[in-house]
């Protein structure tokens, strides 16, 4: 299981953006993060062309499917039930994208692991 943003671990740097210039000015080797939206698809294209890894925060199955096909490294999901469904879909289609559940405490690690979620990220 991937564990991101935990105080005990060094993990990849996540850099939230809201416009293309933020990507250009992001720290090297960071993962770009943005919310899924039709207008933000341009961020995916920019990242793919420039070999920049990115994560997308999604709210439903349709957004998960598009995010995986747009080559997101991580798909962030805050809703636990949606994340469990998404993991089954990702496993079935063997997506390269990893399903990452947003959690608040260590107490949520066990349930995430037992439901075979690819990873978690601790909310700040």
Protein backbone atom coordinates (compact mmCIF):
# COMPACT_ATOMS: atom_id res chain seq x y z
CA UNK A 1 0.00 0.00 0.00
CA UNK A 2 1.21 3.48 -0.89
CA UNK A 3 1.08 5.87 2.07
CA UNK A 4 1.41 9.56 1.22
CA UNK A 5 1.72 12.61 3.44
CA UNK A 6 2.23 10.77 6.75
CA UNK A 7 4.47 12.29 9.43
CA UNK A 8 6.52 9.07 9.77
CA UNK A 9 7.32 8.75 6.07
CA UNK A 10 9.09 10.70 3.38
CA UNK A 11 6.83 10.68 0.38
CA UNK A 12 6.43 12.38 -2.93
CA UNK A 13 5.73 16.09 -2.87
CA UNK A 14 2.22 16.98 -4.01
CA UNK A 15 1.79 20.43 -5.57
CA UNK A 16 -1.81 21.68 -6.01
CA UNK A 17 -2.34 23.88 -9.04
CA UNK A 18 -5.06 26.04 -10.52
CA UNK A 19 -3.45 27.19 -13.78
CA UNK A 20 -0.81 26.13 -16.32
CA UNK A 21 1.77 28.59 -14.98
CA UNK A 22 1.61 26.78 -11.63
CA UNK A 23 2.83 23.62 -13.39
CA UNK A 24 5.71 25.48 -15.01
CA UNK A 25 6.72 26.88 -11.61
CA UNK A 26 6.23 23.70 -9.59
CA UNK A 27 9.15 22.13 -7.74
CA UNK A 28 10.99 19.50 -9.77
CA UNK A 29 9.98 15.90 -9.15
CA UNK A 30 6.69 16.93 -7.56
CA UNK A 31 3.31 15.42 -8.40
CA UNK A 32 0.88 18.00 -9.78
CA UNK A 33 -2.61 17.85 -8.23
CA UNK A 34 -5.84 19.33 -9.52
CA UNK A 35 -9.56 18.64 -9.40
CA UNK A 36 -11.21 16.89 -12.31
CA UNK A 37 -13.18 19.25 -14.52
CA UNK A 38 -13.66 19.72 -18.22
CA UNK A 39 -11.61 22.93 -18.13
CA UNK A 40 -8.76 21.20 -16.26
CA UNK A 41 -8.28 18.55 -18.98
CA UNK A 42 -5.76 20.98 -20.46
CA UNK A 43 -3.57 20.30 -17.38
CA UNK A 44 -3.56 16.57 -18.22
CA UNK A 45 -2.50 17.25 -21.79
CA UNK A 46 0.23 19.65 -20.69
CA UNK A 47 1.55 17.17 -18.13
CA UNK A 48 1.53 14.29 -20.61
CA UNK A 49 3.37 16.31 -23.29
CA UNK A 50 5.97 17.49 -20.77
CA UNK A 51 6.39 14.18 -18.87
CA UNK A 52 5.06 15.64 -15.62
CA UNK A 53 3.36 13.19 -13.26
CA UNK A 54 -0.04 14.27 -11.97
CA UNK A 55 -2.87 13.33 -9.64
CA UNK A 56 -6.53 14.15 -10.09
CA UNK A 57 -9.15 14.51 -7.35
CA UNK A 58 -12.43 12.96 -8.54
CA UNK A 59 -16.03 12.69 -7.36
CA UNK A 60 -17.61 9.88 -9.41
CA UNK A 61 -17.01 6.78 -11.53
CA UNK A 62 -17.08 8.66 -14.83
CA UNK A 63 -14.28 10.97 -13.65
CA UNK A 64 -12.29 7.92 -12.49
CA UNK A 65 -12.54 6.31 -15.92
CA UNK A 66 -11.46 9.48 -17.71
CA UNK A 67 -8.61 10.12 -15.25
CA UNK A 68 -7.17 6.66 -15.77
CA UNK A 69 -7.37 7.08 -19.54
CA UNK A 70 -5.69 10.49 -19.27
CA UNK A 71 -2.69 8.79 -17.60
CA UNK A 72 -3.06 10.15 -14.08
CA UNK A 73 -0.47 8.62 -11.78
CA UNK A 74 -2.84 8.90 -8.82
CA UNK A 75 -6.60 9.23 -8.58
CA UNK A 76 -7.52 10.86 -5.27
CA UNK A 77 -10.93 10.01 -3.81
CA UNK A 78 -12.34 11.38 -0.57
CA UNK A 79 -15.45 9.16 -0.43
CA UNK A 80 -14.57 5.76 1.04
CA UNK A 81 -17.37 3.83 -0.68
CA UNK A 82 -16.51 5.35 -4.04
CA UNK A 83 -12.84 4.44 -3.49
CA UNK A 84 -13.75 0.79 -2.79
CA UNK A 85 -15.79 0.64 -6.03
CA UNK A 86 -13.04 2.43 -7.95
CA UNK A 87 -10.44 -0.06 -6.77
CA UNK A 88 -12.48 -2.97 -8.13
CA UNK A 89 -12.79 -1.20 -11.48
CA UNK A 90 -9.08 -0.37 -11.57
CA UNK A 91 -8.14 -3.96 -10.74
CA UNK A 92 -10.50 -5.35 -13.37
CA UNK A 93 -9.15 -3.09 -16.13
CA UNK A 94 -5.56 -3.23 -14.82
CA UNK A 95 -5.16 0.54 -14.82
CA UNK A 96 -1.70 1.99 -14.31
CA UNK A 97 -3.29 4.79 -12.26
CA UNK A 98 -3.35 4.14 -8.52
CA UNK A 99 -6.50 4.65 -6.46
CA UNK A 100 -5.64 6.82 -3.46
CA UNK A 101 -8.15 7.27 -0.63
CA UNK A 102 -7.96 10.53 1.29
CA UNK A 103 -7.98 9.75 5.02
CA UNK A 104 -7.69 11.71 8.26
CA UNK A 105 -6.14 9.29 10.74
CA UNK A 106 -4.06 6.14 11.19
CA UNK A 107 -7.26 4.38 12.29
CA UNK A 108 -8.40 4.32 8.65
CA UNK A 109 -5.33 2.45 7.40
CA UNK A 110 -6.52 -1.03 8.32
CA UNK A 111 -9.89 -0.72 6.60
CA UNK A 112 -8.18 0.67 3.50
CA UNK A 113 -5.70 -2.21 3.44
CA UNK A 114 -8.39 -4.84 3.98
CA UNK A 115 -10.32 -3.37 1.05
CA UNK A 116 -7.13 -3.58 -1.05
CA UNK A 117 -6.95 0.13 -1.83
CA UNK A 118 -3.75 0.98 -3.74
CA UNK A 119 -2.89 3.75 -1.33
CA UNK A 120 -3.91 6.50 1.02
CA UNK A 121 -3.03 10.15 1.50
CA UNK A 122 -3.41 11.92 4.80
CA UNK A 123 -5.39 15.15 4.57
CA UNK A 124 -3.73 18.29 5.87
